[in-house]
Structure formats: C-alpha cells, structure tokens
Amino acid sequence: MPSHKNDPALPEDVTLNDYVDRVAEVIDKAGEPTILVEHSLGGATITQAGGNFTRHIRGLIYLAAAIPRNGQCPVNLTLGNDNSKLNHFRQVSEDGKSVFVVEKGIK
C-alpha cells in the first residue's frame, strides 16, 4: 500500500484514492471477481473500492474495521467515544498532515 513497507510515498502525501487505486491494481491482476478483506482503517479503502469497482468485487469482509459514513473522515470515526483506546494513543503530526499511534499504544 502507498507509504507502507518499501513504498517511497510520504504518509502526508497519500490519499484514500491512492489506496483505492492500489487495490484496483490488485483486482485487475486477479482477472476475476475478488473478495476484499480489511481491518482497521482499511475498511474505508475497501468501502470506496467496492463502490468504484462493483463488477470486479465479489464481496467485502470487514474485520474490526472502520466503515465511515459518506463524506466522513476515517480518522475521526472514534472522536467523542471515550471508550476508544485509539483516542488515548492517537497523535497528529506537527504539520497536521498525518495521524499516527504513539509507541505506548502499540501492542
């Protein structure tokens, strides 16, 4: 995925469309209807991909995934939920362009 592993993209430059485009590349290589499985904020990616590539997707499976409403920012899904552990460990970068989980919150 963009900005993960060896991908050179900077996190602050990556958009939801970049993730969806990468999923589209994988779907295209599969050559047949595909089942997409995601977790966490990846739910937003497969939701958008499912809407964009309906004919090429057999199903969507969400594992503890975020499913934002139309127009809702996936990062803000847990705001206002005091029970969300993510809220305690989420930090916005100084430039405001990216959000990450602080090391203390990673298990």
C-alpha atoms as a PDB file:
ATOM      1  CA  MET A   1       0.000   0.000   0.000  1.00  0.00           C
ATOM      2  CA  PRO A   2       1.167   3.575  -0.533  1.00  0.00           C
ATOM      3  CA  SER A   3       3.608   4.768   2.159  1.00  0.00           C
ATOM      4  CA  HIS A   4       3.899   1.272   3.687  1.00  0.00           C
ATOM      5  CA  LYS A   5       6.877  -1.094   3.697  1.00  0.00           C
ATOM      6  CA  ASN A   6       9.175  -0.190   0.775  1.00  0.00           C
ATOM      7  CA  ASP A   7       6.788   2.217  -0.938  1.00  0.00           C
ATOM      8  CA  PRO A   8       8.537   5.626  -1.160  1.00  0.00           C
ATOM      9  CA  ALA A   9       5.398   7.769  -0.812  1.00  0.00           C
ATOM     10  CA  LEU A  10       5.321  10.057   2.214  1.00  0.00           C
ATOM     11  CA  PRO A  11       2.325   9.408   4.504  1.00  0.00           C
ATOM     12  CA  GLU A  12       1.228  13.038   4.339  1.00  0.00           C
ATOM     13  CA  ASP A  13       1.038  12.840   0.541  1.00  0.00           C
ATOM     14  CA  VAL A  14      -1.152   9.724   0.398  1.00  0.00           C
ATOM     15  CA  THR A  15      -4.923   9.963  -0.020  1.00  0.00           C
ATOM     16  CA  LEU A  16      -7.769   7.480   0.177  1.00  0.00           C
ATOM     17  CA  ASN A  17      -7.807   7.488  -3.630  1.00  0.00           C
ATOM     18  CA  ASP A  18      -4.166   6.346  -3.651  1.00  0.00           C
ATOM     19  CA  TYR A  19      -5.115   3.329  -1.523  1.00  0.00           C
ATOM     20  CA  VAL A  20      -8.134   2.601  -3.701  1.00  0.00           C
ATOM     21  CA  ASP A  21      -6.001   2.854  -6.851  1.00  0.00           C
ATOM     22  CA  ARG A  22      -3.563   0.303  -5.407  1.00  0.00           C
ATOM     23  CA  VAL A  23      -6.459  -2.056  -4.606  1.00  0.00           C
ATOM     24  CA  ALA A  24      -7.689  -1.571  -8.188  1.00  0.00           C
ATOM     25  CA  GLU A  25      -4.282  -2.711  -9.482  1.00  0.00           C
ATOM     26  CA  VAL A  26      -4.532  -5.914  -7.446  1.00  0.00           C
ATOM     27  CA  ILE A  27      -8.125  -6.532  -8.536  1.00  0.00           C
ATOM     28  CA  ASP A  28      -7.104  -6.040 -12.160  1.00  0.00           C
ATOM     29  CA  LYS A  29      -4.278  -8.600 -11.835  1.00  0.00           C
ATOM     30  CA  ALA A  30      -6.662 -11.139 -10.288  1.00  0.00           C
ATOM     31  CA  GLY A  31      -8.635 -11.281 -13.529  1.00  0.00           C
ATOM     32  CA  GLU A  32     -11.818 -12.424 -11.785  1.00  0.00           C
ATOM     33  CA  PRO A  33     -14.254 -11.063  -9.192  1.00  0.00           C
ATOM     34  CA  THR A  34     -12.390 -10.650  -5.914  1.00  0.00           C
ATOM     35  CA  ILE A  35     -13.280 -10.756  -2.226  1.00  0.00           C
ATOM     36  CA  LEU A  36     -11.591  -7.931  -0.322  1.00  0.00           C
ATOM     37  CA  VAL A  37     -10.760  -8.341   3.384  1.00  0.00           C
ATOM     38  CA  GLU A  38      -9.585  -5.438   5.531  1.00  0.00           C
ATOM     39  CA  HIS A  39      -9.270  -4.363   9.117  1.00  0.00           C
ATOM     40  CA  SER A  40      -8.953  -1.076  10.953  1.00  0.00           C
ATOM     41  CA  LEU A  41      -8.911   1.993   8.702  1.00  0.00           C
ATOM     42  CA  GLY A  42      -8.595  -0.304   5.680  1.00  0.00           C
ATOM     43  CA  GLY A  43     -12.372  -0.591   5.897  1.00  0.00           C
ATOM     44  CA  ALA A  44     -12.612   2.855   4.332  1.00  0.00           C
ATOM     45  CA  THR A  45     -10.431   1.698   1.443  1.00  0.00           C
ATOM     46  CA  ILE A  46     -12.468  -1.385   0.568  1.00  0.00           C
ATOM     47  CA  THR A  47     -15.736   0.510   1.023  1.00  0.00           C
ATOM     48  CA  GLN A  48     -14.606   3.011  -1.616  1.00  0.00           C
ATOM     49  CA  ALA A  49     -13.168   0.276  -3.841  1.00  0.00           C
ATOM     50  CA  GLY A  50     -16.446  -1.613  -3.555  1.00  0.00           C
ATOM     51  CA  GLY A  51     -18.306   1.435  -4.786  1.00  0.00           C
ATOM     52  CA  ASN A  52     -15.864   2.134  -7.607  1.00  0.00           C
ATOM     53  CA  PHE A  53     -15.363  -1.398  -8.939  1.00  0.00           C
ATOM     54  CA  THR A  54     -18.648  -3.169  -8.235  1.00  0.00           C
ATOM     55  CA  ARG A  55     -18.407  -5.524 -11.232  1.00  0.00           C
ATOM     56  CA  HIS A  56     -14.954  -6.734 -10.170  1.00  0.00           C
ATOM     57  CA  ILE A  57     -15.677  -7.407  -6.492  1.00  0.00           C
ATOM     58  CA  ARG A  58     -17.495 -10.463  -5.193  1.00  0.00           C
ATOM     59  CA  GLY A  59     -17.650  -9.320  -1.595  1.00  0.00           C
ATOM     60  CA  LEU A  60     -16.251  -7.181   1.172  1.00  0.00           C
ATOM     61  CA  ILE A  61     -15.237  -8.553   4.578  1.00  0.00           C
ATOM     62  CA  TYR A  62     -14.609  -6.184   7.472  1.00  0.00           C
ATOM     63  CA  LEU A  63     -12.523  -7.402  10.434  1.00  0.00           C
ATOM     64  CA  ALA A  64     -12.762  -4.871  13.260  1.00  0.00           C
ATOM     65  CA  ALA A  65     -12.753  -2.275  10.516  1.00  0.00           C
ATOM     66  CA  ALA A  66     -13.788   1.334  10.242  1.00  0.00           C
ATOM     67  CA  ILE A  67     -16.735   1.994   7.978  1.00  0.00           C
ATOM     68  CA  PRO A  68     -17.162   5.758   7.618  1.00  0.00           C
ATOM     69  CA  ARG A  69     -20.360   7.417   6.508  1.00  0.00           C
ATOM     70  CA  ASN A  70     -20.265   9.093   3.102  1.00  0.00           C
ATOM     71  CA  GLY A  71     -18.007  12.136   3.408  1.00  0.00           C
ATOM     72  CA  GLN A  72     -16.760  11.241   6.899  1.00  0.00           C
ATOM     73  CA  CYS A  73     -13.013  11.209   7.526  1.00  0.00           C
ATOM     74  CA  PRO A  74     -11.992   7.711   8.703  1.00  0.00           C
ATOM     75  CA  VAL A  75      -9.531   9.177  11.202  1.00  0.00           C
ATOM     76  CA  ASN A  76     -12.400  10.905  13.020  1.00  0.00           C
ATOM     77  CA  LEU A  77     -14.566   7.806  13.498  1.00  0.00           C
ATOM     78  CA  THR A  78     -13.652   7.407  17.160  1.00  0.00           C
ATOM     79  CA  LEU A  79     -13.676  11.070  18.178  1.00  0.00           C
ATOM     80  CA  GLY A  80     -16.107  11.629  21.014  1.00  0.00           C
ATOM     81  CA  ASN A  81     -16.030   7.960  22.029  1.00  0.00           C
ATOM     82  CA  ASP A  82     -14.372   7.852  25.436  1.00  0.00           C
ATOM     83  CA  ASN A  83     -14.262   4.041  25.285  1.00  0.00           C
ATOM     84  CA  SER A  84     -11.996   4.044  22.231  1.00  0.00           C
ATOM     85  CA  LYS A  85      -8.421   3.181  23.141  1.00  0.00           C
ATOM     86  CA  LEU A  86      -7.321   4.770  19.879  1.00  0.00           C
ATOM     87  CA  ASN A  87      -8.232   8.211  21.205  1.00  0.00           C
ATOM     88  CA  HIS A  88      -5.730   7.834  24.047  1.00  0.00           C
ATOM     89  CA  PHE A  89      -2.828   6.987  21.732  1.00  0.00           C
ATOM     90  CA  ARG A  90      -3.567   8.964  18.574  1.00  0.00           C
ATOM     91  CA  GLN A  91      -1.319  11.901  17.798  1.00  0.00           C
ATOM     92  CA  VAL A  92      -1.450  14.386  14.954  1.00  0.00           C
ATOM     93  CA  SER A  93       1.861  15.356  13.362  1.00  0.00           C
ATOM     94  CA  GLU A  94       3.149  18.882  13.957  1.00  0.00           C
ATOM     95  CA  ASP A  95       2.285  19.898  10.408  1.00  0.00           C
ATOM     96  CA  GLY A  96      -1.235  18.449  10.777  1.00  0.00           C
ATOM     97  CA  LYS A  97      -0.867  16.300   7.664  1.00  0.00           C
ATOM     98  CA  SER A  98      -0.823  12.855   9.245  1.00  0.00           C
ATOM     99  CA  VAL A  99      -2.065  10.944  12.255  1.00  0.00           C
ATOM    100  CA  PHE A 100      -0.212   8.148  13.991  1.00  0.00           C
ATOM    101  CA  VAL A 101      -0.416   5.932  17.070  1.00  0.00           C
ATOM    102  CA  VAL A 102       2.259   6.672  19.659  1.00  0.00           C
ATOM    103  CA  GLU A 103       4.570   3.794  20.592  1.00  0.00           C
ATOM    104  CA  LYS A 104       2.942   3.326  24.007  1.00  0.00           C
ATOM    105  CA  GLY A 105      -0.310   2.420  22.220  1.00  0.00           C
ATOM    106  CA  ILE A 106       1.216  -0.305  20.034  1.00  0.00           C
ATOM    107  CA  LYS A 107       0.981  -3.839  21.387  1.00  0.00           C
END
